[in-house]
Each structure stands twice: as C-alpha cells, then as structure tokens.
Amino acid sequence: MSISLQKGQKVSLAKPGGGTLTRVKMGLGWDAVAKKGLFGKKGKAQSIDLDASCLLFDASGNLADTVWFRQLRSKDGSVLHTGDNLTGEGEGDDEVINVDLQSLPANITQLVFTVNSFTGQDFSQIENAFCRLVDEGTGQELARYDLSGSGQHNAQIMAKVSRDGQGWSMTAIGAIATGRTVQHLVPAVTPHL
C-alpha cells in the first residue's frame, strides 16, 4: 500500500512483514498546462522539459556523485537514470532513476532527488506533477509525493532517501529552488541533509 506524503513527512522503507529493500526506482511524472487558445478555448500543450536528478552524499554531507540527464550512471553503477523525457507527454513516470541500495558504497548515506525545468518554465506551467518511490522487486509503490503546487520557481528538492541503521527511509522535502541543471541546485539541497 502506497503512502501519500506531505512536505516534511518521513516514512520507513522497511518491507511489510520484514526484510529489506534492495532495489527501488524514483519515478517523476508531469504534464504541461495547456495554453489558452483563441476565444479562451483550450489550446495546445506547451513543451516543458523537466529533469529528474539524484545527488549522492556521504556521512559528512559531502557531494560524492550526481546522476542526471548528462551523466546517466553513478561512478559505481548503483544509480541509473533511464533517460531524458523532453515533454512530459504520456502516462505514468516520465523519467525514472533506478537505485540498487545493496550496491551503494557504504559511505553513501543520503540520496537526494531533485527536479528542475531545463527549458526554464516555472511550476505554474506544470500540472499533475509527482514523484514516487517503487519497490523494483514487487512493483509496489511505496510512497508518493505530489509536486503540483504551482509557483514562480523552476526547480524543487523533491525527496531524500537515507540510511536509518540497517534500513532506509524516505523524507518528502518539497523545497522550492531555482536552477536549470542539478549543479545549480546543490546549495539549495545542503540544508536538507
């Protein structure tokens, strides 16, 4: 059963009935708001390129690696971005980042997932936006976070997945930010570690 998270809420990612998660995927989905056509009729949807990224941090809060549309795989191979969706068209996840939790180096303690508008539009032009964490082994959605709050920002710090003793947890962050690529977002991510 999926848990719908609110900003700041944290959920354990322990498997129901015991056991540990081994592989998860973070999915990002969105739609572009249709522009008004002639005489106020619904017009054609604009093209908006949102990008999902993952920043990997060590226990000291140092950035160890990034996975995004220009670097689709982490240096150790444990995090894989499946590719860049330039429009958000279609159903379900528009961009996916797969994480092999067992293969993450022991010094990596936090994964922070971000989204930014590479084409520069702000979130007031985006609707039905969400991120979700899925157990790759079962296909079960573990947690979902709605990103649809419109605003003048063009990026958001979505969520973080952290080591909690022997297991993992997910925290919905939902902090607004500004930046067209993941490099611009690093200063905005640091306070949430």
Protein backbone atom coordinates (compact mmCIF):
# COMPACT_ATOMS: atom_id res chain seq x y z
CA MET A 1 0.00 0.00 0.00
CA SER A 2 1.38 3.38 -1.01
CA ILE A 3 1.73 6.25 1.44
CA SER A 4 0.94 9.72 0.15
CA LEU A 5 3.48 12.03 1.78
CA GLN A 6 3.12 15.65 2.79
CA LYS A 7 6.03 18.09 2.84
CA GLY A 8 8.45 17.17 5.65
CA GLN A 9 6.89 13.76 6.33
CA LYS A 10 9.19 10.74 6.72
CA VAL A 11 8.37 7.08 6.12
CA SER A 12 10.37 3.91 6.78
CA LEU A 13 11.06 1.82 3.70
CA ALA A 14 11.18 -1.49 5.56
CA LYS A 15 9.27 -4.20 3.68
CA PRO A 16 5.94 -5.26 5.15
CA GLY A 17 6.46 -8.50 7.05
CA GLY A 18 10.19 -7.83 7.48
CA GLY A 19 13.11 -7.87 5.11
CA THR A 20 14.96 -5.05 3.48
CA LEU A 21 14.53 -3.22 0.23
CA THR A 22 17.22 -3.98 -2.29
CA ARG A 23 16.22 -2.09 -5.45
CA VAL A 24 13.99 0.95 -5.78
CA LYS A 25 13.08 3.38 -8.51
CA MET A 26 12.16 7.02 -8.18
CA GLY A 27 9.64 8.00 -10.83
CA LEU A 28 8.84 11.56 -11.90
CA GLY A 29 5.72 12.44 -13.85
CA TRP A 30 4.25 15.73 -15.09
CA ASP A 31 2.06 17.39 -17.67
CA ALA A 32 2.37 20.83 -19.21
CA VAL A 33 -0.54 23.19 -18.65
CA ALA A 34 -2.33 23.80 -21.97
CA LYS A 35 -2.13 27.38 -23.15
CA LYS A 36 -5.37 29.21 -23.83
CA GLY A 37 -6.34 29.22 -27.46
CA LEU A 38 -8.46 31.57 -29.48
CA PHE A 39 -11.56 32.85 -27.61
CA GLY A 40 -10.38 31.19 -24.37
CA LYS A 41 -10.67 27.65 -25.72
CA LYS A 42 -8.19 25.06 -24.56
CA GLY A 43 -5.11 25.32 -26.72
CA LYS A 44 -2.15 23.14 -27.45
CA ALA A 45 0.01 21.97 -24.53
CA GLN A 46 3.41 23.57 -24.42
CA SER A 47 6.61 21.58 -24.34
CA ILE A 48 8.24 21.55 -20.89
CA ASP A 49 11.43 19.62 -20.19
CA LEU A 50 11.59 18.65 -16.51
CA ASP A 51 14.68 16.77 -15.41
CA ALA A 52 14.95 14.32 -12.51
CA SER A 53 18.33 14.08 -10.83
CA CYS A 54 19.88 12.23 -7.90
CA LEU A 55 22.65 13.63 -5.70
CA LEU A 56 24.64 11.12 -3.61
CA PHE A 57 26.04 12.36 -0.28
CA ASP A 58 28.40 10.75 2.23
CA ALA A 59 28.00 10.77 6.03
CA SER A 60 29.87 14.09 6.27
CA GLY A 61 27.43 15.78 3.89
CA ASN A 62 29.92 15.91 1.03
CA LEU A 63 28.59 15.51 -2.50
CA ALA A 64 30.08 12.25 -3.80
CA ASP A 65 28.31 11.90 -7.17
CA THR A 66 25.38 13.09 -9.30
CA VAL A 67 23.12 11.25 -11.72
CA TRP A 68 21.21 13.33 -14.26
CA PHE A 69 20.49 13.52 -17.98
CA ARG A 70 24.14 14.26 -18.83
CA GLN A 71 25.52 11.54 -16.51
CA LEU A 72 23.07 8.65 -16.58
CA ARG A 73 25.03 6.32 -14.28
CA SER A 74 26.76 6.85 -10.94
CA LYS A 75 30.51 6.19 -10.87
CA ASP A 76 29.96 2.89 -9.04
CA GLY A 77 26.97 1.87 -11.21
CA SER A 78 24.45 1.60 -8.35
CA VAL A 79 22.27 4.51 -9.58
CA LEU A 80 20.96 4.60 -13.16
CA HIS A 81 18.87 7.29 -14.90
CA THR A 82 16.85 5.70 -17.70
CA GLY A 83 16.92 8.78 -19.95
CA ASP A 84 15.65 12.28 -20.55
CA ASN A 85 11.99 12.94 -21.40
CA LEU A 86 11.76 16.32 -23.13
CA THR A 87 7.98 16.87 -22.99
CA GLY A 88 6.23 15.02 -20.14
CA GLU A 89 3.79 13.53 -22.62
CA GLY A 90 2.27 10.15 -21.88
CA GLU A 91 1.02 8.36 -18.80
CA GLY A 92 2.85 7.35 -15.64
CA ASP A 93 6.52 8.00 -14.96
CA ASP A 94 8.14 10.33 -17.48
CA GLU A 95 11.65 9.94 -16.04
CA VAL A 96 12.97 7.15 -13.82
CA ILE A 97 16.06 6.78 -11.65
CA ASN A 98 16.82 3.20 -10.55
CA VAL A 99 18.80 2.60 -7.35
CA ASP A 100 20.41 -0.66 -6.24
CA LEU A 101 20.52 0.01 -2.49
CA GLN A 102 22.70 -3.05 -1.79
CA SER A 103 25.34 -1.88 -4.28
CA LEU A 104 25.62 1.66 -2.94
CA PRO A 105 29.03 2.21 -1.34
CA ALA A 106 28.85 2.10 2.47
CA ASN A 107 29.96 5.74 2.70
CA ILE A 108 26.86 6.93 0.79
CA THR A 109 24.20 7.73 3.40
CA GLN A 110 21.76 10.01 1.58
CA LEU A 111 20.29 10.21 -1.90
CA VAL A 112 18.52 13.49 -2.70
CA PHE A 113 16.15 13.61 -5.67
CA THR A 114 15.56 16.91 -7.44
CA VAL A 115 13.54 18.17 -10.38
CA ASN A 116 14.23 21.25 -12.47
CA SER A 117 12.90 22.83 -15.62
CA PHE A 118 15.73 22.73 -18.13
CA THR A 119 13.69 24.87 -20.53
CA GLY A 120 13.20 27.48 -17.80
CA GLN A 121 9.42 27.49 -17.34
CA ASP A 122 8.23 27.83 -13.77
CA PHE A 123 5.99 25.38 -11.89
CA SER A 124 2.87 27.46 -12.55
CA GLN A 125 3.00 25.99 -16.08
CA ILE A 126 3.15 22.38 -14.84
CA GLU A 127 0.31 20.18 -13.56
CA ASN A 128 -0.15 16.62 -12.30
CA ALA A 129 3.48 16.54 -11.15
CA PHE A 130 4.57 13.82 -8.73
CA CYS A 131 7.49 11.75 -7.58
CA ARG A 132 7.08 8.21 -6.31
CA LEU A 133 9.27 5.51 -4.87
CA VAL A 134 8.63 1.95 -6.08
CA ASP A 135 9.99 -1.40 -4.84
CA GLU A 136 11.58 -2.77 -8.03
CA GLY A 137 11.27 -6.35 -6.79
CA THR A 138 7.49 -6.28 -6.40
CA GLY A 139 6.48 -3.23 -8.46
CA GLN A 140 4.65 -1.91 -5.40
CA GLU A 141 4.51 1.86 -4.95
CA LEU A 142 5.94 2.60 -1.51
CA ALA A 143 5.48 6.35 -1.29
CA ARG A 144 4.16 9.18 -3.46
CA TYR A 145 4.68 12.91 -3.16
CA ASP A 146 2.58 15.45 -5.07
CA LEU A 147 4.68 18.23 -6.64
CA SER A 148 1.77 20.10 -8.20
CA GLY A 149 1.95 23.23 -6.04
CA SER A 150 2.31 25.93 -8.67
CA GLY A 151 4.69 28.81 -8.23
CA GLN A 152 7.27 31.04 -9.79
CA HIS A 153 10.15 28.62 -9.05
CA ASN A 154 11.65 26.38 -11.76
CA ALA A 155 13.11 23.66 -9.52
CA GLN A 156 12.26 21.64 -6.46
CA ILE A 157 14.11 19.45 -3.97
CA MET A 158 11.68 16.50 -4.08
CA ALA A 159 12.74 13.95 -1.51
CA LYS A 160 15.65 12.16 0.12
CA VAL A 161 16.28 8.51 0.83
CA SER A 162 18.51 7.97 3.87
CA ARG A 163 20.14 5.06 5.65
CA ASP A 164 18.46 4.51 9.03
CA GLY A 165 20.55 1.99 10.93
CA GLN A 166 20.08 -1.22 8.94
CA GLY A 167 17.31 0.08 6.67
CA TRP A 168 16.20 3.06 4.62
CA SER A 169 13.65 5.85 4.95
CA MET A 170 12.22 8.46 2.59
CA THR A 171 11.54 12.07 3.56
CA ALA A 172 9.38 14.34 1.41
CA ILE A 173 11.19 17.68 1.19
CA GLY A 174 9.24 19.74 -1.32
CA ALA A 175 11.51 22.79 -1.04
CA ILE A 176 11.36 25.25 -3.90
CA ALA A 177 14.57 26.24 -5.65
CA THR A 178 15.92 27.92 -8.75
CA GLY A 179 18.20 26.33 -11.31
CA ARG A 180 18.13 24.83 -14.77
CA THR A 181 20.55 21.96 -14.00
CA VAL A 182 21.42 19.83 -10.98
CA GLN A 183 24.68 21.75 -10.41
CA HIS A 184 22.67 24.91 -9.70
CA LEU A 185 20.66 23.05 -7.04
CA VAL A 186 23.49 21.82 -4.80
CA PRO A 187 23.43 24.89 -2.50
CA ALA A 188 19.65 24.51 -2.09
CA VAL A 189 19.99 20.79 -1.22
CA THR A 190 22.64 21.17 1.53
CA PRO A 191 20.27 22.49 4.26
CA HIS A 192 18.11 19.36 3.88
CA LEU A 193 20.83 16.82 4.64
